[in-house]
Amino acid sequence: MSREDDWKLLREYTQSDSLIKHMLAVEAAVRAYARKFGEDEEKWGTVGLLHDFDYEKWPDPPNHPLKGAEILEQHGYPGEIIYAIKSHADYLEDCPRVSRLDKTLYACDELCGFITACALVRPTRLEGLTAKSVRKKMKQVSFAAAVNRDDIVRGAEDLDVDLNEHITFCITAMQSIAGELGLTTEGEAK
């Protein structure tokens, strides 16, 4: 499968601009970790890009991600990719996160969503966003209330990375595609 195939599949099942941008953000972070760890960037990128492609049509557990897993299997995606995507759902007890890929997706998923929320309330968006300011926002329970802070902390722990370093790493990865994410400085051409 190519990224073009991944993109076509994503677009077939997802219309929401914000959900597409979330998957792009997670893809950027997961790809960056693949480079850091010397792993297969294309395979890891597929996992990041497609991890929520079924969410818009089947948002309720366990349909998400099991419906997506069925679709991926029908399209011939490798078992490792399907398993990693299934493992990002805590409620699927028969899919514990075991590989570095599984753990990386989980560690990046909620955090990328939270970083996006932090960037959207800043005039400079991702530019100049720091781990310190993200950690400060994590303490505000009412801010991006749907994001599970425990998942963010647990994700970094499971990946065996310092939380501040992990936040900075994901911010940097997302900055590389800030235009696609709509997270460039206000007034700047997007």
C-alpha atoms as a PDB file:
ATOM      1  CA  MET A   1       0.000   0.000   0.000  1.00  0.00           C
ATOM      2  CA  SER A   2       1.153   3.522  -0.721  1.00  0.00           C
ATOM      3  CA  ARG A   3       0.391   6.736   1.132  1.00  0.00           C
ATOM      4  CA  GLU A   4      -1.849   7.611  -1.810  1.00  0.00           C
ATOM      5  CA  ASP A   5      -3.839   4.409  -1.127  1.00  0.00           C
ATOM      6  CA  ASP A   6      -3.996   5.300   2.567  1.00  0.00           C
ATOM      7  CA  TRP A   7      -5.215   8.806   1.732  1.00  0.00           C
ATOM      8  CA  LYS A   8      -7.944   7.514  -0.621  1.00  0.00           C
ATOM      9  CA  LEU A   9      -9.190   5.121   2.051  1.00  0.00           C
ATOM     10  CA  LEU A  10      -9.163   7.854   4.702  1.00  0.00           C
ATOM     11  CA  ARG A  11     -11.118  10.216   2.422  1.00  0.00           C
ATOM     12  CA  GLU A  12     -13.653   7.500   1.575  1.00  0.00           C
ATOM     13  CA  TYR A  13     -14.634   7.199   5.236  1.00  0.00           C
ATOM     14  CA  THR A  14     -13.852  10.637   6.693  1.00  0.00           C
ATOM     15  CA  GLN A  15     -15.295  14.031   5.760  1.00  0.00           C
ATOM     16  CA  SER A  16     -14.557  15.983   8.957  1.00  0.00           C
ATOM     17  CA  ASP A  17     -11.757  18.493   8.391  1.00  0.00           C
ATOM     18  CA  SER A  18     -10.765  18.473  12.061  1.00  0.00           C
ATOM     19  CA  LEU A  19     -10.593  14.660  12.182  1.00  0.00           C
ATOM     20  CA  ILE A  20      -8.484  14.594   9.009  1.00  0.00           C
ATOM     21  CA  LYS A  21      -6.135  17.180  10.507  1.00  0.00           C
ATOM     22  CA  HIS A  22      -5.904  15.100  13.692  1.00  0.00           C
ATOM     23  CA  MET A  23      -4.874  12.035  11.700  1.00  0.00           C
ATOM     24  CA  LEU A  24      -2.304  14.110   9.780  1.00  0.00           C
ATOM     25  CA  ALA A  25      -0.872  15.401  13.070  1.00  0.00           C
ATOM     26  CA  VAL A  26      -0.590  11.901  14.506  1.00  0.00           C
ATOM     27  CA  GLU A  27       0.951  10.679  11.250  1.00  0.00           C
ATOM     28  CA  ALA A  28       3.607  13.417  11.445  1.00  0.00           C
ATOM     29  CA  ALA A  29       4.483  12.530  15.045  1.00  0.00           C
ATOM     30  CA  VAL A  30       4.543   8.774  14.452  1.00  0.00           C
ATOM     31  CA  ARG A  31       6.679   9.209  11.308  1.00  0.00           C
ATOM     32  CA  ALA A  32       9.110  11.376  13.281  1.00  0.00           C
ATOM     33  CA  TYR A  33       9.414   8.654  15.912  1.00  0.00           C
ATOM     34  CA  ALA A  34       9.972   6.063  13.161  1.00  0.00           C
ATOM     35  CA  ARG A  35      12.933   8.145  11.948  1.00  0.00           C
ATOM     36  CA  LYS A  36      14.231   8.533  15.503  1.00  0.00           C
ATOM     37  CA  PHE A  37      13.959   4.807  16.220  1.00  0.00           C
ATOM     38  CA  GLY A  38      15.240   3.695  12.796  1.00  0.00           C
ATOM     39  CA  GLU A  39      11.928   2.035  11.923  1.00  0.00           C
ATOM     40  CA  ASP A  40       9.933   1.771   8.684  1.00  0.00           C
ATOM     41  CA  GLU A  41       8.615   5.309   8.257  1.00  0.00           C
ATOM     42  CA  GLU A  42       6.033   4.356   5.622  1.00  0.00           C
ATOM     43  CA  LYS A  43       4.516   1.585   7.742  1.00  0.00           C
ATOM     44  CA  TRP A  44       4.473   3.760  10.843  1.00  0.00           C
ATOM     45  CA  GLY A  45       3.031   6.660   8.840  1.00  0.00           C
ATOM     46  CA  THR A  46       0.186   4.425   7.644  1.00  0.00           C
ATOM     47  CA  VAL A  47      -0.672   3.571  11.250  1.00  0.00           C
ATOM     48  CA  GLY A  48      -0.683   7.229  12.267  1.00  0.00           C
ATOM     49  CA  LEU A  49      -2.711   8.347   9.266  1.00  0.00           C
ATOM     50  CA  LEU A  50      -5.344   5.605   9.397  1.00  0.00           C
ATOM     51  CA  HIS A  51      -5.756   5.085  13.144  1.00  0.00           C
ATOM     52  CA  ASP A  52      -9.102   6.948  13.261  1.00  0.00           C
ATOM     53  CA  PHE A  53     -10.297   6.659   9.642  1.00  0.00           C
ATOM     54  CA  ASP A  54     -13.388   4.683  10.763  1.00  0.00           C
ATOM     55  CA  TYR A  55     -14.265   6.977  13.691  1.00  0.00           C
ATOM     56  CA  GLU A  56     -16.665   9.275  11.849  1.00  0.00           C
ATOM     57  CA  LYS A  57     -18.883   6.387  10.703  1.00  0.00           C
ATOM     58  CA  TRP A  58     -18.485   4.162  13.782  1.00  0.00           C
ATOM     59  CA  PRO A  59     -17.526   6.325  16.790  1.00  0.00           C
ATOM     60  CA  ASP A  60     -18.821   3.966  19.468  1.00  0.00           C
ATOM     61  CA  PRO A  61     -16.646   1.304  21.086  1.00  0.00           C
ATOM     62  CA  PRO A  62     -15.872  -1.342  20.085  1.00  0.00           C
ATOM     63  CA  ASN A  63     -17.024  -0.529  16.528  1.00  0.00           C
ATOM     64  CA  HIS A  64     -14.119   1.929  16.436  1.00  0.00           C
ATOM     65  CA  PRO A  65     -11.544   0.566  15.660  1.00  0.00           C
ATOM     66  CA  LEU A  66     -12.918  -2.908  14.897  1.00  0.00           C
ATOM     67  CA  LYS A  67     -14.900  -1.818  11.815  1.00  0.00           C
ATOM     68  CA  GLY A  68     -11.775  -0.105  10.533  1.00  0.00           C
ATOM     69  CA  ALA A  69      -9.730  -3.233  11.201  1.00  0.00           C
ATOM     70  CA  GLU A  70     -12.148  -5.275   9.065  1.00  0.00           C
ATOM     71  CA  ILE A  71     -11.888  -2.738   6.233  1.00  0.00           C
ATOM     72  CA  LEU A  72      -8.088  -2.677   6.437  1.00  0.00           C
ATOM     73  CA  GLU A  73      -8.009  -6.473   6.330  1.00  0.00           C
ATOM     74  CA  GLN A  74     -10.268  -6.470   3.241  1.00  0.00           C
ATOM     75  CA  HIS A  75      -7.858  -4.047   1.573  1.00  0.00           C
ATOM     76  CA  GLY A  76      -4.872  -6.291   2.314  1.00  0.00           C
ATOM     77  CA  TYR A  77      -3.138  -4.226   5.002  1.00  0.00           C
ATOM     78  CA  PRO A  78      -0.564  -6.198   7.035  1.00  0.00           C
ATOM     79  CA  GLY A  79      -1.558  -7.614  10.408  1.00  0.00           C
ATOM     80  CA  GLU A  80       1.046  -5.511  12.233  1.00  0.00           C
ATOM     81  CA  ILE A  81      -0.601  -2.285  11.011  1.00  0.00           C
ATOM     82  CA  ILE A  82      -4.096  -3.512  11.872  1.00  0.00           C
ATOM     83  CA  TYR A  83      -3.006  -4.664  15.324  1.00  0.00           C
ATOM     84  CA  ALA A  84      -1.277  -1.360  16.121  1.00  0.00           C
ATOM     85  CA  ILE A  85      -4.435   0.540  15.182  1.00  0.00           C
ATOM     86  CA  LYS A  86      -6.619  -1.757  17.277  1.00  0.00           C
ATOM     87  CA  SER A  87      -4.227  -1.448  20.227  1.00  0.00           C
ATOM     88  CA  HIS A  88      -4.804   2.300  20.587  1.00  0.00           C
ATOM     89  CA  ALA A  89      -8.254   1.518  22.033  1.00  0.00           C
ATOM     90  CA  ASP A  90      -7.914   0.830  25.768  1.00  0.00           C
ATOM     91  CA  TYR A  91     -11.227  -1.030  25.827  1.00  0.00           C
ATOM     92  CA  LEU A  92      -9.982  -3.827  23.534  1.00  0.00           C
ATOM     93  CA  GLU A  93      -8.492  -6.040  26.216  1.00  0.00           C
ATOM     94  CA  ASP A  94      -7.337  -8.649  23.697  1.00  0.00           C
ATOM     95  CA  CYS A  95      -5.101  -6.046  21.993  1.00  0.00           C
ATOM     96  CA  PRO A  96      -2.543  -4.885  24.555  1.00  0.00           C
ATOM     97  CA  ARG A  97       0.155  -2.537  23.321  1.00  0.00           C
ATOM     98  CA  VAL A  98       3.258  -4.678  22.939  1.00  0.00           C
ATOM     99  CA  SER A  99       5.394  -3.340  20.084  1.00  0.00           C
ATOM    100  CA  ARG A 100       7.149  -0.004  19.911  1.00  0.00           C
ATOM    101  CA  LEU A 101       4.769   0.914  17.065  1.00  0.00           C
ATOM    102  CA  ASP A 102       1.713   0.174  19.238  1.00  0.00           C
ATOM    103  CA  LYS A 103       3.115   2.259  22.067  1.00  0.00           C
ATOM    104  CA  THR A 104       4.110   5.129  19.782  1.00  0.00           C
ATOM    105  CA  LEU A 105       0.635   5.455  18.279  1.00  0.00           C
ATOM    106  CA  TYR A 106      -0.935   5.462  21.734  1.00  0.00           C
ATOM    107  CA  ALA A 107       1.586   7.999  23.040  1.00  0.00           C
ATOM    108  CA  CYS A 108       1.006  10.384  20.125  1.00  0.00           C
ATOM    109  CA  ASP A 109      -2.761  10.128  19.661  1.00  0.00           C
ATOM    110  CA  GLU A 110      -4.204  12.058  22.614  1.00  0.00           C
ATOM    111  CA  LEU A 111      -1.161  14.308  22.870  1.00  0.00           C
ATOM    112  CA  CYS A 112      -1.429  15.518  19.268  1.00  0.00           C
ATOM    113  CA  GLY A 113      -5.084  16.343  19.874  1.00  0.00           C
ATOM    114  CA  PHE A 114      -4.179  18.280  22.996  1.00  0.00           C
ATOM    115  CA  ILE A 115      -1.316  20.126  21.292  1.00  0.00           C
ATOM    116  CA  THR A 116      -3.757  21.155  18.556  1.00  0.00           C
ATOM    117  CA  ALA A 117      -6.171  22.522  21.156  1.00  0.00           C
ATOM    118  CA  CYS A 118      -3.322  24.461  22.802  1.00  0.00           C
ATOM    119  CA  ALA A 119      -2.177  25.875  19.458  1.00  0.00           C
ATOM    120  CA  LEU A 120      -5.664  26.982  18.439  1.00  0.00           C
ATOM    121  CA  VAL A 121      -5.930  29.410  21.384  1.00  0.00           C
ATOM    122  CA  ARG A 122      -2.578  31.071  20.604  1.00  0.00           C
ATOM    123  CA  PRO A 123      -2.134  33.857  18.051  1.00  0.00           C
ATOM    124  CA  THR A 124       1.142  32.240  16.912  1.00  0.00           C
ATOM    125  CA  ARG A 125      -0.444  28.771  16.884  1.00  0.00           C
ATOM    126  CA  LEU A 126       2.325  26.110  16.933  1.00  0.00           C
ATOM    127  CA  GLU A 127       5.120  28.647  16.582  1.00  0.00           C
ATOM    128  CA  GLY A 128       6.766  29.108  19.979  1.00  0.00           C
ATOM    129  CA  LEU A 129       4.532  26.535  21.717  1.00  0.00           C
ATOM    130  CA  THR A 130       6.514  24.854  24.511  1.00  0.00           C
ATOM    131  CA  ALA A 131       6.133  21.770  26.645  1.00  0.00           C
ATOM    132  CA  LYS A 132       5.830  24.062  29.665  1.00  0.00           C
ATOM    133  CA  SER A 133       2.772  25.822  28.240  1.00  0.00           C
ATOM    134  CA  VAL A 134       1.198  22.487  27.218  1.00  0.00           C
ATOM    135  CA  ARG A 135       1.780  21.102  30.733  1.00  0.00           C
ATOM    136  CA  LYS A 136       0.197  24.242  32.196  1.00  0.00           C
ATOM    137  CA  LYS A 137      -2.906  23.717  30.019  1.00  0.00           C
ATOM    138  CA  MET A 138      -3.034  20.058  31.094  1.00  0.00           C
ATOM    139  CA  LYS A 139      -3.707  21.271  34.645  1.00  0.00           C
ATOM    140  CA  GLN A 140      -6.775  23.239  33.496  1.00  0.00           C
ATOM    141  CA  VAL A 141      -9.491  20.596  33.710  1.00  0.00           C
ATOM    142  CA  SER A 142     -11.982  22.662  31.703  1.00  0.00           C
ATOM    143  CA  PHE A 143      -9.570  23.170  28.784  1.00  0.00           C
ATOM    144  CA  ALA A 144     -10.000  20.502  26.076  1.00  0.00           C
ATOM    145  CA  ALA A 145     -11.937  18.532  28.667  1.00  0.00           C
ATOM    146  CA  ALA A 146     -12.488  15.556  26.338  1.00  0.00           C
ATOM    147  CA  VAL A 147      -8.746  14.845  26.206  1.00  0.00           C
ATOM    148  CA  ASN A 148      -7.698  12.273  28.772  1.00  0.00           C
ATOM    149  CA  ARG A 149      -4.603  13.624  30.517  1.00  0.00           C
ATOM    150  CA  ASP A 150      -3.875  10.226  32.063  1.00  0.00           C
ATOM    151  CA  ASP A 151      -3.585   8.749  28.561  1.00  0.00           C
ATOM    152  CA  ILE A 152      -1.025  11.416  27.666  1.00  0.00           C
ATOM    153  CA  VAL A 153       1.073  10.677  30.755  1.00  0.00           C
ATOM    154  CA  ARG A 154       0.685   6.899  30.453  1.00  0.00           C
ATOM    155  CA  GLY A 155       1.580   7.039  26.743  1.00  0.00           C
ATOM    156  CA  ALA A 156       4.910   8.731  27.437  1.00  0.00           C
ATOM    157  CA  GLU A 157       5.630   6.308  30.284  1.00  0.00           C
ATOM    158  CA  ASP A 158       4.824   3.253  28.150  1.00  0.00           C
ATOM    159  CA  LEU A 159       7.068   4.587  25.377  1.00  0.00           C
ATOM    160  CA  ASP A 160       9.740   5.198  28.012  1.00  0.00           C
ATOM    161  CA  VAL A 161      10.238   8.858  27.115  1.00  0.00           C
ATOM    162  CA  ASP A 162      10.267  11.910  29.360  1.00  0.00           C
ATOM    163  CA  LEU A 163       6.896  13.671  29.097  1.00  0.00           C
ATOM    164  CA  ASN A 164       8.381  17.116  28.427  1.00  0.00           C
ATOM    165  CA  GLU A 165      10.672  15.700  25.736  1.00  0.00           C
ATOM    166  CA  HIS A 166       7.737  13.807  24.221  1.00  0.00           C
ATOM    167  CA  ILE A 167       5.598  16.954  24.091  1.00  0.00           C
ATOM    168  CA  THR A 168       8.427  18.937  22.491  1.00  0.00           C
ATOM    169  CA  PHE A 169       9.081  16.132  20.007  1.00  0.00           C
ATOM    170  CA  CYS A 170       5.426  16.010  18.925  1.00  0.00           C
ATOM    171  CA  ILE A 171       5.196  19.816  18.670  1.00  0.00           C
ATOM    172  CA  THR A 172       8.260  19.822  16.413  1.00  0.00           C
ATOM    173  CA  ALA A 173       6.800  17.052  14.229  1.00  0.00           C
ATOM    174  CA  MET A 174       3.520  18.922  13.910  1.00  0.00           C
ATOM    175  CA  GLN A 175       5.325  22.182  13.100  1.00  0.00           C
ATOM    176  CA  SER A 176       6.728  20.478   9.998  1.00  0.00           C
ATOM    177  CA  ILE A 177       3.181  20.334   8.563  1.00  0.00           C
ATOM    178  CA  ALA A 178       1.659  23.337  10.359  1.00  0.00           C
ATOM    179  CA  GLY A 179       0.166  24.676   7.125  1.00  0.00           C
ATOM    180  CA  GLU A 180      -1.694  21.424   6.423  1.00  0.00           C
ATOM    181  CA  LEU A 181      -2.944  21.429  10.005  1.00  0.00           C
ATOM    182  CA  GLY A 182      -4.160  25.020   9.807  1.00  0.00           C
ATOM    183  CA  LEU A 183      -1.848  25.849  12.698  1.00  0.00           C
ATOM    184  CA  THR A 184       0.274  28.619  11.226  1.00  0.00           C
ATOM    185  CA  THR A 185       0.439  32.096  12.681  1.00  0.00           C
ATOM    186  CA  GLU A 186      -2.852  33.975  12.320  1.00  0.00           C
ATOM    187  CA  GLY A 187      -2.868  36.064   9.192  1.00  0.00           C
ATOM    188  CA  GLU A 188      -0.068  34.007   7.627  1.00  0.00           C
ATOM    189  CA  ALA A 189      -0.854  32.375   4.297  1.00  0.00           C
ATOM    190  CA  LYS A 190      -2.017  28.841   4.892  1.00  0.00           C
END
